[in-house]
């Protein structure tokens, strides 16, 4: 399985796994400070960025299988890892298997919805995707203004006007062009969260959550902890779905501290 990736820095290995519709470029705001202390590998998940889609079934398990294969091929079994959204969910799946990852930082993992939350998430993700695709012709002009960045990224960030326009443009292009967006969205919605035996969890496993997350409401953090006993919960104050956007310094510090051993 061909997975596109970039590597920066030297030192202890660290894997970064992006969210739904994104690419490795989603991490650009914290890549440099992380690479000053770690050998950072940031990937494009299958069907996103420059990575081709999976052949056959698309599910949380097959995506995790592809990620585990990538780690084996690049001699990264046991690496520390940080993920966001669907990337965070995939890291929890690998953590449940034991022996694949070192320390794990899972931020805003998807898949802990119940009842109407699942329907609301599906509708908002579909509408966001449609909006991004329909507005591609005007995107360079839209992201140049703070007010329009607020509208475009209101679901994901609590302070989108502060984000670099170049990063927002990359994100909107990636969101619109992601070939496996719908397939991965359906896979995420139809499968329950994977719990695990506490004895198999990596040490540490940190689950991070934005207090103002509009994609995965903060009440879902309790469900995540019930399914992953022994995990530590870290709250990001005044943060939306992507802490590495809204609180890059805090996110960098958390990742470095959690992977220090």
C-alpha atoms as a PDB file:
ATOM      1  CA  UNK A   1       0.000   0.000   0.000  1.00  0.00           C
ATOM      2  CA  UNK A   2       1.516   3.298  -1.125  1.00  0.00           C
ATOM      3  CA  UNK A   3       1.109   6.018   1.515  1.00  0.00           C
ATOM      4  CA  UNK A   4       2.503   9.475   0.860  1.00  0.00           C
ATOM      5  CA  UNK A   5       4.486  10.981   3.712  1.00  0.00           C
ATOM      6  CA  UNK A   6       6.961  13.673   4.655  1.00  0.00           C
ATOM      7  CA  UNK A   7       9.684  13.447   7.280  1.00  0.00           C
ATOM      8  CA  UNK A   8      11.259  16.265   9.247  1.00  0.00           C
ATOM      9  CA  UNK A   9      13.800  16.499  12.065  1.00  0.00           C
ATOM     10  CA  UNK A  10      15.870  14.000  14.014  1.00  0.00           C
ATOM     11  CA  UNK A  11      15.536  12.107  17.259  1.00  0.00           C
ATOM     12  CA  UNK A  12      12.867   9.842  18.692  1.00  0.00           C
ATOM     13  CA  UNK A  13      10.250   8.921  16.053  1.00  0.00           C
ATOM     14  CA  UNK A  14       6.807  10.533  16.035  1.00  0.00           C
ATOM     15  CA  UNK A  15       3.936   9.798  13.637  1.00  0.00           C
ATOM     16  CA  UNK A  16       1.248  12.409  12.818  1.00  0.00           C
ATOM     17  CA  UNK A  17      -2.120  11.282  11.393  1.00  0.00           C
ATOM     18  CA  UNK A  18      -4.555  13.907  10.070  1.00  0.00           C
ATOM     19  CA  UNK A  19      -8.349  14.176  10.190  1.00  0.00           C
ATOM     20  CA  UNK A  20     -11.166  13.570   7.694  1.00  0.00           C
ATOM     21  CA  UNK A  21     -10.657  15.483   4.459  1.00  0.00           C
ATOM     22  CA  UNK A  22      -7.233  16.790   5.447  1.00  0.00           C
ATOM     23  CA  UNK A  23      -3.679  15.838   4.502  1.00  0.00           C
ATOM     24  CA  UNK A  24      -0.304  15.932   6.224  1.00  0.00           C
ATOM     25  CA  UNK A  25      -0.297  19.695   5.639  1.00  0.00           C
ATOM     26  CA  UNK A  26      -2.883  20.099   8.392  1.00  0.00           C
ATOM     27  CA  UNK A  27       0.027  19.786  10.846  1.00  0.00           C
ATOM     28  CA  UNK A  28       2.204  22.515   9.336  1.00  0.00           C
ATOM     29  CA  UNK A  29       1.565  24.885  12.230  1.00  0.00           C
ATOM     30  CA  UNK A  30       3.359  22.571  14.676  1.00  0.00           C
ATOM     31  CA  UNK A  31       5.700  20.578  12.426  1.00  0.00           C
ATOM     32  CA  UNK A  32       8.704  22.836  12.947  1.00  0.00           C
ATOM     33  CA  UNK A  33       8.687  22.899  16.769  1.00  0.00           C
ATOM     34  CA  UNK A  34       8.064  19.142  16.889  1.00  0.00           C
ATOM     35  CA  UNK A  35      10.832  18.445  14.380  1.00  0.00           C
ATOM     36  CA  UNK A  36      13.247  20.387  16.566  1.00  0.00           C
ATOM     37  CA  UNK A  37      12.928  17.544  19.113  1.00  0.00           C
ATOM     38  CA  UNK A  38      11.622  14.524  17.197  1.00  0.00           C
ATOM     39  CA  UNK A  39      11.955  12.697  13.882  1.00  0.00           C
ATOM     40  CA  UNK A  40       8.456  13.517  12.631  1.00  0.00           C
ATOM     41  CA  UNK A  41       6.665  11.490   9.951  1.00  0.00           C
ATOM     42  CA  UNK A  42       3.382  12.994   8.744  1.00  0.00           C
ATOM     43  CA  UNK A  43       1.277  10.906   6.363  1.00  0.00           C
ATOM     44  CA  UNK A  44      -1.590  11.253   3.913  1.00  0.00           C
ATOM     45  CA  UNK A  45      -4.154   8.596   4.796  1.00  0.00           C
ATOM     46  CA  UNK A  46      -5.320   6.347   1.920  1.00  0.00           C
ATOM     47  CA  UNK A  47      -7.563   8.357  -0.382  1.00  0.00           C
ATOM     48  CA  UNK A  48      -6.435  11.735   0.963  1.00  0.00           C
ATOM     49  CA  UNK A  49      -3.731  14.136  -0.154  1.00  0.00           C
ATOM     50  CA  UNK A  50      -1.405  12.281  -2.520  1.00  0.00           C
ATOM     51  CA  UNK A  51      -2.153   8.762  -1.242  1.00  0.00           C
ATOM     52  CA  UNK A  52      -4.293   6.523  -3.476  1.00  0.00           C
ATOM     53  CA  UNK A  53      -7.514   5.019  -2.041  1.00  0.00           C
ATOM     54  CA  UNK A  54      -7.646   1.544  -0.579  1.00  0.00           C
ATOM     55  CA  UNK A  55      -8.561  -1.325  -2.855  1.00  0.00           C
ATOM     56  CA  UNK A  56     -11.694  -3.098  -1.657  1.00  0.00           C
ATOM     57  CA  UNK A  57     -13.478  -2.481   1.626  1.00  0.00           C
ATOM     58  CA  UNK A  58     -12.957   0.807   3.447  1.00  0.00           C
ATOM     59  CA  UNK A  59     -13.409   0.527   7.204  1.00  0.00           C
ATOM     60  CA  UNK A  60     -11.718   1.632  10.390  1.00  0.00           C
ATOM     61  CA  UNK A  61     -10.058  -1.777  10.505  1.00  0.00           C
ATOM     62  CA  UNK A  62      -8.755  -1.735   6.904  1.00  0.00           C
ATOM     63  CA  UNK A  63      -7.468   1.821   7.285  1.00  0.00           C
ATOM     64  CA  UNK A  64      -5.720   0.792  10.493  1.00  0.00           C
ATOM     65  CA  UNK A  65      -4.306  -2.262   8.694  1.00  0.00           C
ATOM     66  CA  UNK A  66      -2.862   0.003   5.992  1.00  0.00           C
ATOM     67  CA  UNK A  67      -1.363   2.267   8.625  1.00  0.00           C
ATOM     68  CA  UNK A  68       0.152  -0.699  10.485  1.00  0.00           C
ATOM     69  CA  UNK A  69       1.622  -1.969   7.204  1.00  0.00           C
ATOM     70  CA  UNK A  70       3.174   1.448   6.573  1.00  0.00           C
ATOM     71  CA  UNK A  71       4.757   1.385  10.048  1.00  0.00           C
ATOM     72  CA  UNK A  72       6.180  -2.075   9.433  1.00  0.00           C
ATOM     73  CA  UNK A  73       7.574  -1.151   6.001  1.00  0.00           C
ATOM     74  CA  UNK A  74       9.275   1.969   7.377  1.00  0.00           C
ATOM     75  CA  UNK A  75      10.568   0.326  10.558  1.00  0.00           C
ATOM     76  CA  UNK A  76       8.301   2.454  12.736  1.00  0.00           C
ATOM     77  CA  UNK A  77       6.579  -0.257  14.770  1.00  0.00           C
ATOM     78  CA  UNK A  78       6.485   1.043  18.349  1.00  0.00           C
ATOM     79  CA  UNK A  79       6.656   4.698  17.286  1.00  0.00           C
ATOM     80  CA  UNK A  80       4.930   7.380  19.331  1.00  0.00           C
ATOM     81  CA  UNK A  81       1.964   8.885  17.507  1.00  0.00           C
ATOM     82  CA  UNK A  82      -0.426  11.829  17.591  1.00  0.00           C
ATOM     83  CA  UNK A  83      -3.653  11.999  15.620  1.00  0.00           C
ATOM     84  CA  UNK A  84      -6.619  14.259  15.025  1.00  0.00           C
ATOM     85  CA  UNK A  85     -10.278  13.351  14.353  1.00  0.00           C
ATOM     86  CA  UNK A  86     -10.362  10.199  12.162  1.00  0.00           C
ATOM     87  CA  UNK A  87      -6.591   9.997  12.571  1.00  0.00           C
ATOM     88  CA  UNK A  88      -7.088   9.992  16.330  1.00  0.00           C
ATOM     89  CA  UNK A  89      -9.709   7.257  15.960  1.00  0.00           C
ATOM     90  CA  UNK A  90      -7.327   5.112  13.918  1.00  0.00           C
ATOM     91  CA  UNK A  91      -4.628   5.469  16.557  1.00  0.00           C
ATOM     92  CA  UNK A  92      -7.089   4.211  19.181  1.00  0.00           C
ATOM     93  CA  UNK A  93      -7.781   1.205  16.958  1.00  0.00           C
ATOM     94  CA  UNK A  94      -4.053   0.452  16.718  1.00  0.00           C
ATOM     95  CA  UNK A  95      -3.624   1.034  20.454  1.00  0.00           C
ATOM     96  CA  UNK A  96      -6.321  -1.578  21.102  1.00  0.00           C
ATOM     97  CA  UNK A  97      -4.265  -4.161  19.208  1.00  0.00           C
ATOM     98  CA  UNK A  98      -1.215  -3.749  21.418  1.00  0.00           C
ATOM     99  CA  UNK A  99       2.429  -3.753  20.366  1.00  0.00           C
ATOM    100  CA  UNK A 100       1.999  -1.462  17.353  1.00  0.00           C
ATOM    101  CA  UNK A 101       2.474   2.000  18.853  1.00  0.00           C
ATOM    102  CA  UNK A 102       4.356   3.622  21.693  1.00  0.00           C
ATOM    103  CA  UNK A 103       2.821   6.631  23.414  1.00  0.00           C
ATOM    104  CA  UNK A 104      -0.397   7.869  21.791  1.00  0.00           C
ATOM    105  CA  UNK A 105      -2.017  11.299  21.784  1.00  0.00           C
ATOM    106  CA  UNK A 106      -5.537  11.056  20.342  1.00  0.00           C
ATOM    107  CA  UNK A 107      -7.196  14.466  19.855  1.00  0.00           C
ATOM    108  CA  UNK A 108     -10.915  14.738  19.181  1.00  0.00           C
ATOM    109  CA  UNK A 109     -11.320  11.115  18.037  1.00  0.00           C
ATOM    110  CA  UNK A 110     -14.432  10.486  15.941  1.00  0.00           C
ATOM    111  CA  UNK A 111     -16.763   7.563  16.527  1.00  0.00           C
ATOM    112  CA  UNK A 112     -18.205   8.223  19.993  1.00  0.00           C
ATOM    113  CA  UNK A 113     -21.561   9.551  18.800  1.00  0.00           C
ATOM    114  CA  UNK A 114     -24.928   8.267  20.040  1.00  0.00           C
ATOM    115  CA  UNK A 115     -28.416   8.799  18.678  1.00  0.00           C
ATOM    116  CA  UNK A 116     -29.004  12.124  16.955  1.00  0.00           C
ATOM    117  CA  UNK A 117     -25.312  13.084  17.306  1.00  0.00           C
ATOM    118  CA  UNK A 118     -24.450  10.620  14.566  1.00  0.00           C
ATOM    119  CA  UNK A 119     -27.040  12.104  12.191  1.00  0.00           C
ATOM    120  CA  UNK A 120     -25.959  15.666  12.966  1.00  0.00           C
ATOM    121  CA  UNK A 121     -22.314  14.836  12.324  1.00  0.00           C
ATOM    122  CA  UNK A 122     -23.102  13.134   9.008  1.00  0.00           C
ATOM    123  CA  UNK A 123     -25.200  16.078   7.829  1.00  0.00           C
ATOM    124  CA  UNK A 124     -22.648  18.703   8.845  1.00  0.00           C
ATOM    125  CA  UNK A 125     -19.763  16.780   7.241  1.00  0.00           C
ATOM    126  CA  UNK A 126     -21.715  16.364   3.996  1.00  0.00           C
ATOM    127  CA  UNK A 127     -22.666  20.044   3.874  1.00  0.00           C
ATOM    128  CA  UNK A 128     -19.103  21.162   4.625  1.00  0.00           C
ATOM    129  CA  UNK A 129     -17.756  18.967   1.844  1.00  0.00           C
ATOM    130  CA  UNK A 130     -20.361  20.252  -0.615  1.00  0.00           C
ATOM    131  CA  UNK A 131     -19.609  23.854   0.309  1.00  0.00           C
ATOM    132  CA  UNK A 132     -15.862  23.358  -0.116  1.00  0.00           C
ATOM    133  CA  UNK A 133     -16.303  21.767  -3.542  1.00  0.00           C
ATOM    134  CA  UNK A 134     -18.804  24.319  -4.847  1.00  0.00           C
ATOM    135  CA  UNK A 135     -16.705  27.290  -3.740  1.00  0.00           C
ATOM    136  CA  UNK A 136     -13.327  26.150  -5.076  1.00  0.00           C
ATOM    137  CA  UNK A 137     -13.467  28.681  -7.903  1.00  0.00           C
ATOM    138  CA  UNK A 138     -13.668  31.530  -5.368  1.00  0.00           C
ATOM    139  CA  UNK A 139     -11.578  30.026  -2.577  1.00  0.00           C
ATOM    140  CA  UNK A 140      -8.406  32.153  -2.987  1.00  0.00           C
ATOM    141  CA  UNK A 141     -10.513  35.296  -2.648  1.00  0.00           C
ATOM    142  CA  UNK A 142     -12.616  33.953   0.214  1.00  0.00           C
ATOM    143  CA  UNK A 143      -9.731  32.903   2.427  1.00  0.00           C
ATOM    144  CA  UNK A 144      -8.112  36.333   2.045  1.00  0.00           C
ATOM    145  CA  UNK A 145     -10.720  37.843   4.385  1.00  0.00           C
ATOM    146  CA  UNK A 146     -11.098  37.138   8.104  1.00  0.00           C
ATOM    147  CA  UNK A 147     -14.917  37.120   7.973  1.00  0.00           C
ATOM    148  CA  UNK A 148     -15.023  34.481   5.246  1.00  0.00           C
ATOM    149  CA  UNK A 149     -12.434  32.293   6.997  1.00  0.00           C
ATOM    150  CA  UNK A 150     -14.726  32.386  10.037  1.00  0.00           C
ATOM    151  CA  UNK A 151     -17.634  31.135   7.930  1.00  0.00           C
ATOM    152  CA  UNK A 152     -15.631  28.437   6.167  1.00  0.00           C
ATOM    153  CA  UNK A 153     -14.048  26.988   9.300  1.00  0.00           C
ATOM    154  CA  UNK A 154     -16.684  27.731  11.947  1.00  0.00           C
ATOM    155  CA  UNK A 155     -17.196  24.006  12.626  1.00  0.00           C
ATOM    156  CA  UNK A 156     -13.516  23.232  13.089  1.00  0.00           C
ATOM    157  CA  UNK A 157     -11.913  26.216  14.802  1.00  0.00           C
ATOM    158  CA  UNK A 158     -12.984  28.797  17.368  1.00  0.00           C
ATOM    159  CA  UNK A 159     -10.545  31.357  15.992  1.00  0.00           C
ATOM    160  CA  UNK A 160     -10.293  30.697  12.239  1.00  0.00           C
ATOM    161  CA  UNK A 161      -9.551  34.347  11.475  1.00  0.00           C
ATOM    162  CA  UNK A 162      -6.155  33.872  13.155  1.00  0.00           C
ATOM    163  CA  UNK A 163      -5.172  30.955  10.915  1.00  0.00           C
ATOM    164  CA  UNK A 164      -2.718  31.595   8.057  1.00  0.00           C
ATOM    165  CA  UNK A 165      -4.615  32.063   4.770  1.00  0.00           C
ATOM    166  CA  UNK A 166      -2.199  29.729   2.958  1.00  0.00           C
ATOM    167  CA  UNK A 167      -2.968  26.898   5.394  1.00  0.00           C
ATOM    168  CA  UNK A 168      -6.724  27.485   5.098  1.00  0.00           C
ATOM    169  CA  UNK A 169      -6.472  27.369   1.295  1.00  0.00           C
ATOM    170  CA  UNK A 170      -4.562  24.056   1.452  1.00  0.00           C
ATOM    171  CA  UNK A 171      -7.182  22.640   3.820  1.00  0.00           C
ATOM    172  CA  UNK A 172     -10.128  23.670   1.642  1.00  0.00           C
ATOM    173  CA  UNK A 173      -8.484  22.222  -1.464  1.00  0.00           C
ATOM    174  CA  UNK A 174      -7.724  18.971   0.327  1.00  0.00           C
ATOM    175  CA  UNK A 175     -11.261  18.788   1.722  1.00  0.00           C
ATOM    176  CA  UNK A 176     -12.781  19.264  -1.720  1.00  0.00           C
ATOM    177  CA  UNK A 177     -10.520  16.825  -3.584  1.00  0.00           C
ATOM    178  CA  UNK A 178     -10.273  13.952  -1.047  1.00  0.00           C
ATOM    179  CA  UNK A 179     -11.166  10.846  -3.053  1.00  0.00           C
ATOM    180  CA  UNK A 180     -12.111   8.693  -0.065  1.00  0.00           C
ATOM    181  CA  UNK A 181     -14.044  11.304   1.911  1.00  0.00           C
ATOM    182  CA  UNK A 182     -17.479   9.678   1.588  1.00  0.00           C
ATOM    183  CA  UNK A 183     -16.186   6.121   2.015  1.00  0.00           C
ATOM    184  CA  UNK A 184     -14.287   6.960   5.199  1.00  0.00           C
ATOM    185  CA  UNK A 185     -17.198   9.033   6.531  1.00  0.00           C
ATOM    186  CA  UNK A 186     -19.544   6.060   6.095  1.00  0.00           C
ATOM    187  CA  UNK A 187     -17.027   3.718   7.706  1.00  0.00           C
ATOM    188  CA  UNK A 188     -16.665   6.000  10.694  1.00  0.00           C
ATOM    189  CA  UNK A 189     -20.424   6.340  11.137  1.00  0.00           C
ATOM    190  CA  UNK A 190     -21.373   2.685  10.859  1.00  0.00           C
ATOM    191  CA  UNK A 191     -18.796   1.224  13.226  1.00  0.00           C
ATOM    192  CA  UNK A 192     -18.852   1.435  17.014  1.00  0.00           C
ATOM    193  CA  UNK A 193     -15.856   2.706  18.941  1.00  0.00           C
ATOM    194  CA  UNK A 194     -13.312   0.016  19.746  1.00  0.00           C
ATOM    195  CA  UNK A 195     -12.627  -0.565  23.421  1.00  0.00           C
ATOM    196  CA  UNK A 196      -9.654  -2.484  24.710  1.00  0.00           C
ATOM    197  CA  UNK A 197      -8.189  -4.279  27.667  1.00  0.00           C
ATOM    198  CA  UNK A 198      -6.466  -1.676  29.870  1.00  0.00           C
ATOM    199  CA  UNK A 199      -3.423  -3.924  30.055  1.00  0.00           C
ATOM    200  CA  UNK A 200      -2.841  -3.560  26.304  1.00  0.00           C
ATOM    201  CA  UNK A 201      -2.865   0.247  26.220  1.00  0.00           C
ATOM    202  CA  UNK A 202       0.359   2.070  25.443  1.00  0.00           C
ATOM    203  CA  UNK A 203       1.833   4.145  28.248  1.00  0.00           C
ATOM    204  CA  UNK A 204       0.785   6.837  28.142  1.00  0.00           C
ATOM    205  CA  UNK A 205      -2.409   7.090  26.140  1.00  0.00           C
ATOM    206  CA  UNK A 206      -3.686  10.654  26.197  1.00  0.00           C
ATOM    207  CA  UNK A 207      -7.110  11.591  24.839  1.00  0.00           C
ATOM    208  CA  UNK A 208      -7.328  15.319  24.132  1.00  0.00           C
ATOM    209  CA  UNK A 209     -10.560  17.243  23.670  1.00  0.00           C
ATOM    210  CA  UNK A 210     -11.411  20.830  22.827  1.00  0.00           C
ATOM    211  CA  UNK A 211     -13.881  22.363  25.262  1.00  0.00           C
ATOM    212  CA  UNK A 212     -15.601  24.065  22.305  1.00  0.00           C
ATOM    213  CA  UNK A 213     -15.480  21.173  19.841  1.00  0.00           C
ATOM    214  CA  UNK A 214     -18.492  21.458  17.504  1.00  0.00           C
ATOM    215  CA  UNK A 215     -17.763  18.242  15.590  1.00  0.00           C
ATOM    216  CA  UNK A 216     -17.306  15.880  18.541  1.00  0.00           C
ATOM    217  CA  UNK A 217     -19.047  17.557  21.513  1.00  0.00           C
ATOM    218  CA  UNK A 218     -17.063  17.456  24.775  1.00  0.00           C
ATOM    219  CA  UNK A 219     -19.575  15.109  26.445  1.00  0.00           C
ATOM    220  CA  UNK A 220     -18.212  12.376  24.184  1.00  0.00           C
ATOM    221  CA  UNK A 221     -14.929  12.453  26.098  1.00  0.00           C
ATOM    222  CA  UNK A 222     -16.576  10.540  28.955  1.00  0.00           C
ATOM    223  CA  UNK A 223     -17.600   7.761  26.561  1.00  0.00           C
ATOM    224  CA  UNK A 224     -14.087   7.577  25.161  1.00  0.00           C
ATOM    225  CA  UNK A 225     -12.618   7.153  28.645  1.00  0.00           C
ATOM    226  CA  UNK A 226     -15.124   4.412  29.463  1.00  0.00           C
ATOM    227  CA  UNK A 227     -14.038   2.453  26.394  1.00  0.00           C
ATOM    228  CA  UNK A 228     -10.340   3.128  26.956  1.00  0.00           C
ATOM    229  CA  UNK A 229      -9.830   2.761  30.694  1.00  0.00           C
ATOM    230  CA  UNK A 230      -6.510   4.006  31.951  1.00  0.00           C
ATOM    231  CA  UNK A 231      -6.251   6.780  29.366  1.00  0.00           C
ATOM    232  CA  UNK A 232      -5.502  10.295  30.525  1.00  0.00           C
ATOM    233  CA  UNK A 233      -7.864  13.099  29.503  1.00  0.00           C
ATOM    234  CA  UNK A 234      -6.447  16.487  28.530  1.00  0.00           C
ATOM    235  CA  UNK A 235      -8.834  19.399  28.043  1.00  0.00           C
ATOM    236  CA  UNK A 236      -7.934  22.144  25.587  1.00  0.00           C
ATOM    237  CA  UNK A 237      -9.638  25.309  26.786  1.00  0.00           C
ATOM    238  CA  UNK A 238     -11.041  27.699  24.160  1.00  0.00           C
ATOM    239  CA  UNK A 239     -10.349  25.140  21.430  1.00  0.00           C
ATOM    240  CA  UNK A 240     -12.472  23.624  18.685  1.00  0.00           C
ATOM    241  CA  UNK A 241     -12.071  20.307  16.895  1.00  0.00           C
ATOM    242  CA  UNK A 242      -8.431  20.881  15.949  1.00  0.00           C
ATOM    243  CA  UNK A 243      -6.293  21.847  18.962  1.00  0.00           C
ATOM    244  CA  UNK A 244      -3.200  21.980  16.748  1.00  0.00           C
ATOM    245  CA  UNK A 245      -4.878  24.917  14.995  1.00  0.00           C
ATOM    246  CA  UNK A 246      -6.382  26.754  17.956  1.00  0.00           C
ATOM    247  CA  UNK A 247      -3.671  26.025  20.542  1.00  0.00           C
ATOM    248  CA  UNK A 248      -0.500  25.067  18.632  1.00  0.00           C
ATOM    249  CA  UNK A 249       1.913  25.786  21.491  1.00  0.00           C
ATOM    250  CA  UNK A 250      -0.147  23.791  24.006  1.00  0.00           C
ATOM    251  CA  UNK A 251      -0.541  20.931  21.531  1.00  0.00           C
ATOM    252  CA  UNK A 252       3.190  20.853  20.837  1.00  0.00           C
ATOM    253  CA  UNK A 253       3.966  20.847  24.542  1.00  0.00           C
ATOM    254  CA  UNK A 254       1.467  18.041  25.234  1.00  0.00           C
ATOM    255  CA  UNK A 255       2.881  15.847  22.460  1.00  0.00           C
ATOM    256  CA  UNK A 256       6.487  16.383  23.547  1.00  0.00           C
ATOM    257  CA  UNK A 257       5.700  15.740  27.220  1.00  0.00           C
ATOM    258  CA  UNK A 258       3.605  12.633  26.494  1.00  0.00           C
ATOM    259  CA  UNK A 259       6.377  11.167  24.325  1.00  0.00           C
ATOM    260  CA  UNK A 260       9.304  12.178  26.537  1.00  0.00           C
ATOM    261  CA  UNK A 261      10.111   8.697  27.889  1.00  0.00           C
END
